[in-house]
Amino acid sequence: MERRRWSDLSRAQQAVLVSAACAQIALAAAAWTDLARRPRALVRGPKPVWAAVIAVNFVGPLSYFAAGRRASGSP
């Protein structure tokens, strides 16, 4: 199987890839920012582990937002 080059992709395929990459970066940045600002008591598990998990494609940031954060306890 021959590898496809960027120039082999249609404009629509390039747009989808760029959009997905932007979404990935934005999700990871938001998750890392939240993790850095959130007190340790409000994170399920060790913060360094979550920092590494966030780096894993779309799954990491979504996992952090879904399972890594505790409720702040405010009314």
C-alpha atoms as a PDB file:
ATOM      1  CA  MET A   1       0.000   0.000   0.000  1.00  0.00           C
ATOM      2  CA  GLU A   2       1.411   3.327  -1.040  1.00  0.00           C
ATOM      3  CA  ARG A   3       1.381   6.218   1.401  1.00  0.00           C
ATOM      4  CA  ARG A   4      -0.733   9.187   0.444  1.00  0.00           C
ATOM      5  CA  ARG A   5       0.778  12.635   0.507  1.00  0.00           C
ATOM      6  CA  TRP A   6      -0.917  15.808   1.608  1.00  0.00           C
ATOM      7  CA  SER A   7      -1.056  16.974  -1.994  1.00  0.00           C
ATOM      8  CA  ASP A   8      -2.879  13.751  -2.961  1.00  0.00           C
ATOM      9  CA  LEU A   9      -5.825  14.654  -0.735  1.00  0.00           C
ATOM     10  CA  SER A  10      -8.776  16.675  -1.966  1.00  0.00           C
ATOM     11  CA  ARG A  11      -9.444  20.128  -0.493  1.00  0.00           C
ATOM     12  CA  ALA A  12     -12.349  18.650   1.480  1.00  0.00           C
ATOM     13  CA  GLN A  13     -10.152  15.893   2.960  1.00  0.00           C
ATOM     14  CA  GLN A  14      -7.493  18.452   3.863  1.00  0.00           C
ATOM     15  CA  ALA A  15     -10.129  20.641   5.534  1.00  0.00           C
ATOM     16  CA  VAL A  16     -11.440  17.700   7.569  1.00  0.00           C
ATOM     17  CA  LEU A  17      -7.932  16.786   8.742  1.00  0.00           C
ATOM     18  CA  VAL A  18      -7.081  20.374   9.683  1.00  0.00           C
ATOM     19  CA  SER A  19     -10.391  20.720  11.542  1.00  0.00           C
ATOM     20  CA  ALA A  20      -9.809  17.468  13.432  1.00  0.00           C
ATOM     21  CA  ALA A  21      -6.286  18.548  14.356  1.00  0.00           C
ATOM     22  CA  CYS A  22      -7.559  21.912  15.626  1.00  0.00           C
ATOM     23  CA  ALA A  23     -10.255  20.199  17.681  1.00  0.00           C
ATOM     24  CA  GLN A  24      -7.671  17.798  19.141  1.00  0.00           C
ATOM     25  CA  ILE A  25      -5.342  20.637  20.110  1.00  0.00           C
ATOM     26  CA  ALA A  26      -8.171  22.713  21.588  1.00  0.00           C
ATOM     27  CA  LEU A  27      -9.485  19.781  23.642  1.00  0.00           C
ATOM     28  CA  ALA A  28      -6.025  18.947  24.968  1.00  0.00           C
ATOM     29  CA  ALA A  29      -5.265  22.588  25.800  1.00  0.00           C
ATOM     30  CA  ALA A  30      -8.566  22.989  27.633  1.00  0.00           C
ATOM     31  CA  ALA A  31      -8.028  19.766  29.578  1.00  0.00           C
ATOM     32  CA  TRP A  32      -4.440  20.619  30.544  1.00  0.00           C
ATOM     33  CA  THR A  33      -5.506  24.129  31.600  1.00  0.00           C
ATOM     34  CA  ASP A  34      -8.326  22.752  33.732  1.00  0.00           C
ATOM     35  CA  LEU A  35      -6.008  20.153  35.252  1.00  0.00           C
ATOM     36  CA  ALA A  36      -3.379  22.767  36.110  1.00  0.00           C
ATOM     37  CA  ARG A  37      -5.901  25.085  37.768  1.00  0.00           C
ATOM     38  CA  ARG A  38      -7.968  22.419  39.550  1.00  0.00           C
ATOM     39  CA  PRO A  39      -6.941  21.619  43.154  1.00  0.00           C
ATOM     40  CA  ARG A  40      -5.556  18.114  43.687  1.00  0.00           C
ATOM     41  CA  ALA A  41      -8.535  17.220  45.882  1.00  0.00           C
ATOM     42  CA  LEU A  42     -10.881  17.778  42.930  1.00  0.00           C
ATOM     43  CA  VAL A  43      -9.051  15.394  40.584  1.00  0.00           C
ATOM     44  CA  ARG A  44      -9.672  11.642  40.600  1.00  0.00           C
ATOM     45  CA  GLY A  45      -6.212  10.105  40.689  1.00  0.00           C
ATOM     46  CA  PRO A  46      -2.728  11.577  40.345  1.00  0.00           C
ATOM     47  CA  LYS A  47      -2.466  14.759  38.295  1.00  0.00           C
ATOM     48  CA  PRO A  48       0.728  13.613  36.458  1.00  0.00           C
ATOM     49  CA  VAL A  49      -1.090  10.516  35.220  1.00  0.00           C
ATOM     50  CA  TRP A  50      -3.981  12.610  33.918  1.00  0.00           C
ATOM     51  CA  ALA A  51      -1.515  14.970  32.231  1.00  0.00           C
ATOM     52  CA  ALA A  52      -0.121  12.003  30.296  1.00  0.00           C
ATOM     53  CA  VAL A  53      -3.577  10.586  29.527  1.00  0.00           C
ATOM     54  CA  ILE A  54      -4.689  13.914  28.070  1.00  0.00           C
ATOM     55  CA  ALA A  55      -1.945  13.584  25.441  1.00  0.00           C
ATOM     56  CA  VAL A  56      -3.648  10.481  23.986  1.00  0.00           C
ATOM     57  CA  ASN A  57      -5.560  11.617  20.886  1.00  0.00           C
ATOM     58  CA  PHE A  58      -9.223  12.600  21.427  1.00  0.00           C
ATOM     59  CA  VAL A  59      -9.751   9.865  23.992  1.00  0.00           C
ATOM     60  CA  GLY A  60      -7.493  11.386  26.661  1.00  0.00           C
ATOM     61  CA  PRO A  61      -9.096  14.828  27.035  1.00  0.00           C
ATOM     62  CA  LEU A  62     -12.599  13.386  26.781  1.00  0.00           C
ATOM     63  CA  SER A  63     -11.741  10.794  29.454  1.00  0.00           C
ATOM     64  CA  TYR A  64     -10.396  13.503  31.732  1.00  0.00           C
ATOM     65  CA  PHE A  65     -13.518  15.646  31.362  1.00  0.00           C
ATOM     66  CA  ALA A  66     -15.818  12.632  31.814  1.00  0.00           C
ATOM     67  CA  ALA A  67     -14.065  10.772  34.641  1.00  0.00           C
ATOM     68  CA  GLY A  68     -11.065  12.709  35.924  1.00  0.00           C
ATOM     69  CA  ARG A  69     -12.755  15.625  37.628  1.00  0.00           C
ATOM     70  CA  ARG A  70     -14.683  15.675  40.875  1.00  0.00           C
ATOM     71  CA  ALA A  71     -17.538  18.074  41.552  1.00  0.00           C
ATOM     72  CA  SER A  72     -16.370  21.265  43.194  1.00  0.00           C
ATOM     73  CA  GLY A  73     -18.809  20.832  46.063  1.00  0.00           C
ATOM     74  CA  SER A  74     -20.354  24.232  45.591  1.00  0.00           C
ATOM     75  CA  PRO A  75     -24.149  24.524  45.953  1.00  0.00           C
END
